[in-house]
Amino acid sequence: MSIPRNKPLSMVIQRACIQERFPQFKFYPAKSMWLGKFKPSAKSPEYLVEITYSLYNIPRVFVLKPKLHPDAPHIYQESGALCLYYPKDNSWNFQKLLGNTIFLWTAEWLYYYELWLATGQWFGPEAPHNENKSEDS
């Protein structure tokens, strides 16, 4: 793993942004993890979400409850983490706020997931990639 040239935003800054924008999420420092709920629409269930992040590592997002459909698109098969962005397009990097990117993208992913459950079609943004994608590529 190579260390980025720019220094990442501090965890203090990341936590402050998330606390302001997503107060329903609680931070657990021992695990570098936020745990909270999203409800994409009035008719949606509440989704219990875990978001892990530590400096110089990519954020990972997991839906804990309710269990996602086993054929749901845009999930990394090896870990079960949500695929929220295409890593090579630099849409997220260490200089960006998680609360302005990863957290918003998670809520958006859940909205598109519910549309997919209802229609069988993914209406959200997609990047071309092969079936054997890894979380770091």
C-alpha atoms as a PDB file:
ATOM      1  CA  MET A   1       0.000   0.000   0.000  1.00  0.00           C
ATOM      2  CA  SER A   2       1.416   3.373  -0.938  1.00  0.00           C
ATOM      3  CA  ILE A   3       0.876   6.399   1.271  1.00  0.00           C
ATOM      4  CA  PRO A   4      -0.909   9.254  -0.504  1.00  0.00           C
ATOM      5  CA  ARG A   5       1.039  12.441  -1.153  1.00  0.00           C
ATOM      6  CA  ASN A   6      -1.530  14.614   0.567  1.00  0.00           C
ATOM      7  CA  LYS A   7      -2.161  14.235   4.243  1.00  0.00           C
ATOM      8  CA  PRO A   8      -5.630  12.825   4.961  1.00  0.00           C
ATOM      9  CA  LEU A   9      -8.241  14.838   6.808  1.00  0.00           C
ATOM     10  CA  SER A  10      -7.980  14.119  10.519  1.00  0.00           C
ATOM     11  CA  MET A  11     -10.430  11.845  12.269  1.00  0.00           C
ATOM     12  CA  VAL A  12     -11.456  14.828  14.413  1.00  0.00           C
ATOM     13  CA  ILE A  13     -12.565  16.697  11.290  1.00  0.00           C
ATOM     14  CA  GLN A  14     -14.263  13.601   9.849  1.00  0.00           C
ATOM     15  CA  ARG A  15     -16.120  12.923  13.093  1.00  0.00           C
ATOM     16  CA  ALA A  16     -17.261  16.551  13.464  1.00  0.00           C
ATOM     17  CA  CYS A  17     -18.749  16.591   9.968  1.00  0.00           C
ATOM     18  CA  ILE A  18     -20.513  13.267  10.463  1.00  0.00           C
ATOM     19  CA  GLN A  19     -21.858  14.269  13.873  1.00  0.00           C
ATOM     20  CA  GLU A  20     -23.284  17.476  12.394  1.00  0.00           C
ATOM     21  CA  ARG A  21     -24.808  15.905   9.279  1.00  0.00           C
ATOM     22  CA  PHE A  22     -25.740  12.448  10.604  1.00  0.00           C
ATOM     23  CA  PRO A  23     -26.411  12.676  14.350  1.00  0.00           C
ATOM     24  CA  GLN A  24     -28.167   9.290  14.251  1.00  0.00           C
ATOM     25  CA  PHE A  25     -24.730   7.662  13.834  1.00  0.00           C
ATOM     26  CA  LYS A  26     -22.599   6.870  16.867  1.00  0.00           C
ATOM     27  CA  PHE A  27     -18.821   6.588  16.598  1.00  0.00           C
ATOM     28  CA  TYR A  28     -16.955   3.680  18.231  1.00  0.00           C
ATOM     29  CA  PRO A  29     -13.283   4.708  18.390  1.00  0.00           C
ATOM     30  CA  ALA A  30     -11.915   1.262  19.299  1.00  0.00           C
ATOM     31  CA  LYS A  31     -13.244  -0.062  15.980  1.00  0.00           C
ATOM     32  CA  SER A  32     -12.989   3.176  13.921  1.00  0.00           C
ATOM     33  CA  MET A  33     -16.635   2.577  13.136  1.00  0.00           C
ATOM     34  CA  TRP A  34     -19.879   4.500  12.908  1.00  0.00           C
ATOM     35  CA  LEU A  35     -23.144   2.682  13.526  1.00  0.00           C
ATOM     36  CA  GLY A  36     -26.520   4.167  12.688  1.00  0.00           C
ATOM     37  CA  LYS A  37     -29.687   3.957  10.650  1.00  0.00           C
ATOM     38  CA  PHE A  38     -30.876   5.238   7.309  1.00  0.00           C
ATOM     39  CA  LYS A  39     -34.473   5.235   6.095  1.00  0.00           C
ATOM     40  CA  PRO A  40     -34.430   5.997   2.344  1.00  0.00           C
ATOM     41  CA  SER A  41     -38.161   6.732   2.070  1.00  0.00           C
ATOM     42  CA  ALA A  42     -41.281   6.921   4.227  1.00  0.00           C
ATOM     43  CA  LYS A  43     -42.233   3.358   3.234  1.00  0.00           C
ATOM     44  CA  SER A  44     -38.721   1.951   3.694  1.00  0.00           C
ATOM     45  CA  PRO A  45     -37.537  -0.125   6.589  1.00  0.00           C
ATOM     46  CA  GLU A  46     -34.769   1.355   8.702  1.00  0.00           C
ATOM     47  CA  TYR A  47     -31.407   0.014   7.617  1.00  0.00           C
ATOM     48  CA  LEU A  48     -28.781  -0.507  10.308  1.00  0.00           C
ATOM     49  CA  VAL A  49     -25.478   0.498   8.713  1.00  0.00           C
ATOM     50  CA  GLU A  50     -21.861   0.110   9.797  1.00  0.00           C
ATOM     51  CA  ILE A  51     -19.263   2.402   8.251  1.00  0.00           C
ATOM     52  CA  THR A  52     -15.632   1.720   9.073  1.00  0.00           C
ATOM     53  CA  TYR A  53     -12.754   4.035   8.303  1.00  0.00           C
ATOM     54  CA  SER A  54      -9.278   4.678   9.606  1.00  0.00           C
ATOM     55  CA  LEU A  55      -6.597   6.941   8.176  1.00  0.00           C
ATOM     56  CA  TYR A  56      -4.924   5.645   5.000  1.00  0.00           C
ATOM     57  CA  ASN A  57      -7.594   2.940   4.557  1.00  0.00           C
ATOM     58  CA  ILE A  58     -10.602   2.991   2.295  1.00  0.00           C
ATOM     59  CA  PRO A  59     -14.003   3.315   3.963  1.00  0.00           C
ATOM     60  CA  ARG A  60     -16.148   0.197   4.015  1.00  0.00           C
ATOM     61  CA  VAL A  61     -19.919   0.155   4.363  1.00  0.00           C
ATOM     62  CA  PHE A  62     -22.032  -2.786   5.496  1.00  0.00           C
ATOM     63  CA  VAL A  63     -25.778  -3.108   5.880  1.00  0.00           C
ATOM     64  CA  LEU A  64     -26.339  -5.164   9.027  1.00  0.00           C
ATOM     65  CA  LYS A  65     -30.153  -5.227   9.125  1.00  0.00           C
ATOM     66  CA  PRO A  66     -32.348  -6.047   7.378  1.00  0.00           C
ATOM     67  CA  LYS A  67     -30.408  -8.612   5.420  1.00  0.00           C
ATOM     68  CA  LEU A  68     -29.897  -7.549   1.803  1.00  0.00           C
ATOM     69  CA  HIS A  69     -31.151  -9.666  -1.077  1.00  0.00           C
ATOM     70  CA  PRO A  70     -28.453 -12.233  -1.996  1.00  0.00           C
ATOM     71  CA  ASP A  71     -28.489 -11.114  -5.651  1.00  0.00           C
ATOM     72  CA  ALA A  72     -28.315  -7.382  -4.907  1.00  0.00           C
ATOM     73  CA  PRO A  73     -26.037  -5.529  -7.321  1.00  0.00           C
ATOM     74  CA  HIS A  74     -23.108  -3.339  -6.350  1.00  0.00           C
ATOM     75  CA  ILE A  75     -21.893  -5.377  -3.396  1.00  0.00           C
ATOM     76  CA  TYR A  76     -18.353  -6.711  -3.113  1.00  0.00           C
ATOM     77  CA  GLN A  77     -18.834 -10.469  -3.005  1.00  0.00           C
ATOM     78  CA  GLU A  78     -15.777 -11.263  -0.893  1.00  0.00           C
ATOM     79  CA  SER A  79     -16.646  -8.932   2.003  1.00  0.00           C
ATOM     80  CA  GLY A  80     -20.293  -7.965   1.581  1.00  0.00           C
ATOM     81  CA  ALA A  81     -19.358  -4.252   1.575  1.00  0.00           C
ATOM     82  CA  LEU A  82     -21.396  -1.894  -0.580  1.00  0.00           C
ATOM     83  CA  CYS A  83     -19.830  -0.691  -3.815  1.00  0.00           C
ATOM     84  CA  LEU A  84     -20.477   3.056  -3.622  1.00  0.00           C
ATOM     85  CA  TYR A  85     -17.976   4.532  -6.074  1.00  0.00           C
ATOM     86  CA  TYR A  86     -15.410   3.615  -8.685  1.00  0.00           C
ATOM     87  CA  PRO A  87     -12.030   3.882  -6.908  1.00  0.00           C
ATOM     88  CA  LYS A  88     -10.065   4.808 -10.042  1.00  0.00           C
ATOM     89  CA  ASP A  89     -12.108   7.953 -10.776  1.00  0.00           C
ATOM     90  CA  ASN A  90     -10.987   9.682  -7.548  1.00  0.00           C
ATOM     91  CA  SER A  91     -14.577  10.450  -6.497  1.00  0.00           C
ATOM     92  CA  TRP A  92     -13.446   9.661  -2.960  1.00  0.00           C
ATOM     93  CA  ASN A  93      -9.980  10.169  -1.531  1.00  0.00           C
ATOM     94  CA  PHE A  94      -8.377  10.927   1.840  1.00  0.00           C
ATOM     95  CA  GLN A  95      -8.913  14.665   1.365  1.00  0.00           C
ATOM     96  CA  LYS A  96     -12.710  14.362   1.190  1.00  0.00           C
ATOM     97  CA  LEU A  97     -15.195  14.384   4.024  1.00  0.00           C
ATOM     98  CA  LEU A  98     -16.920  11.079   4.666  1.00  0.00           C
ATOM     99  CA  GLY A  99     -20.056  12.983   5.656  1.00  0.00           C
ATOM    100  CA  ASN A 100     -20.196  14.670   2.248  1.00  0.00           C
ATOM    101  CA  THR A 101     -19.429  11.525   0.265  1.00  0.00           C
ATOM    102  CA  ILE A 102     -19.584   8.018   1.752  1.00  0.00           C
ATOM    103  CA  PHE A 103     -22.508   8.691   4.108  1.00  0.00           C
ATOM    104  CA  LEU A 104     -24.556  10.423   1.409  1.00  0.00           C
ATOM    105  CA  TRP A 105     -23.695   7.738  -1.129  1.00  0.00           C
ATOM    106  CA  THR A 106     -24.811   5.059   1.337  1.00  0.00           C
ATOM    107  CA  ALA A 107     -28.225   6.683   1.741  1.00  0.00           C
ATOM    108  CA  GLU A 108     -28.464   7.019  -2.041  1.00  0.00           C
ATOM    109  CA  TRP A 109     -27.388   3.383  -2.556  1.00  0.00           C
ATOM    110  CA  LEU A 110     -30.181   2.231  -0.226  1.00  0.00           C
ATOM    111  CA  TYR A 111     -32.721   4.275  -2.187  1.00  0.00           C
ATOM    112  CA  TYR A 112     -31.603   2.689  -5.469  1.00  0.00           C
ATOM    113  CA  TYR A 113     -31.523  -0.725  -3.800  1.00  0.00           C
ATOM    114  CA  GLU A 114     -35.191  -0.369  -2.909  1.00  0.00           C
ATOM    115  CA  LEU A 115     -36.005   0.636  -6.492  1.00  0.00           C
ATOM    116  CA  TRP A 116     -34.079  -2.429  -7.660  1.00  0.00           C
ATOM    117  CA  LEU A 117     -36.102  -4.644  -5.302  1.00  0.00           C
ATOM    118  CA  ALA A 118     -39.334  -3.222  -6.763  1.00  0.00           C
ATOM    119  CA  THR A 119     -38.354  -3.218 -10.445  1.00  0.00           C
ATOM    120  CA  GLY A 120     -35.361  -5.503 -10.937  1.00  0.00           C
ATOM    121  CA  GLN A 121     -33.464  -2.604 -12.540  1.00  0.00           C
ATOM    122  CA  TRP A 122     -30.637  -0.552 -10.994  1.00  0.00           C
ATOM    123  CA  PHE A 123     -31.387   3.129 -11.642  1.00  0.00           C
ATOM    124  CA  GLY A 124     -28.350   4.470  -9.797  1.00  0.00           C
ATOM    125  CA  PRO A 125     -25.059   5.560 -11.322  1.00  0.00           C
ATOM    126  CA  GLU A 126     -22.736   2.776 -12.443  1.00  0.00           C
ATOM    127  CA  ALA A 127     -19.147   2.514 -13.572  1.00  0.00           C
ATOM    128  CA  PRO A 128     -18.023  -0.190 -15.990  1.00  0.00           C
ATOM    129  CA  HIS A 129     -16.071  -2.935 -14.266  1.00  0.00           C
ATOM    130  CA  ASN A 130     -15.629  -6.658 -14.455  1.00  0.00           C
ATOM    131  CA  GLU A 131     -17.342  -9.243 -12.271  1.00  0.00           C
ATOM    132  CA  ASN A 132     -14.173  -9.949 -10.287  1.00  0.00           C
ATOM    133  CA  LYS A 133     -13.665  -6.416  -9.024  1.00  0.00           C
ATOM    134  CA  SER A 134     -11.815  -5.937  -5.778  1.00  0.00           C
ATOM    135  CA  GLU A 135     -12.481  -3.287  -3.187  1.00  0.00           C
ATOM    136  CA  ASP A 136      -9.123  -1.633  -3.841  1.00  0.00           C
ATOM    137  CA  SER A 137      -9.322  -1.445  -7.646  1.00  0.00           C
END
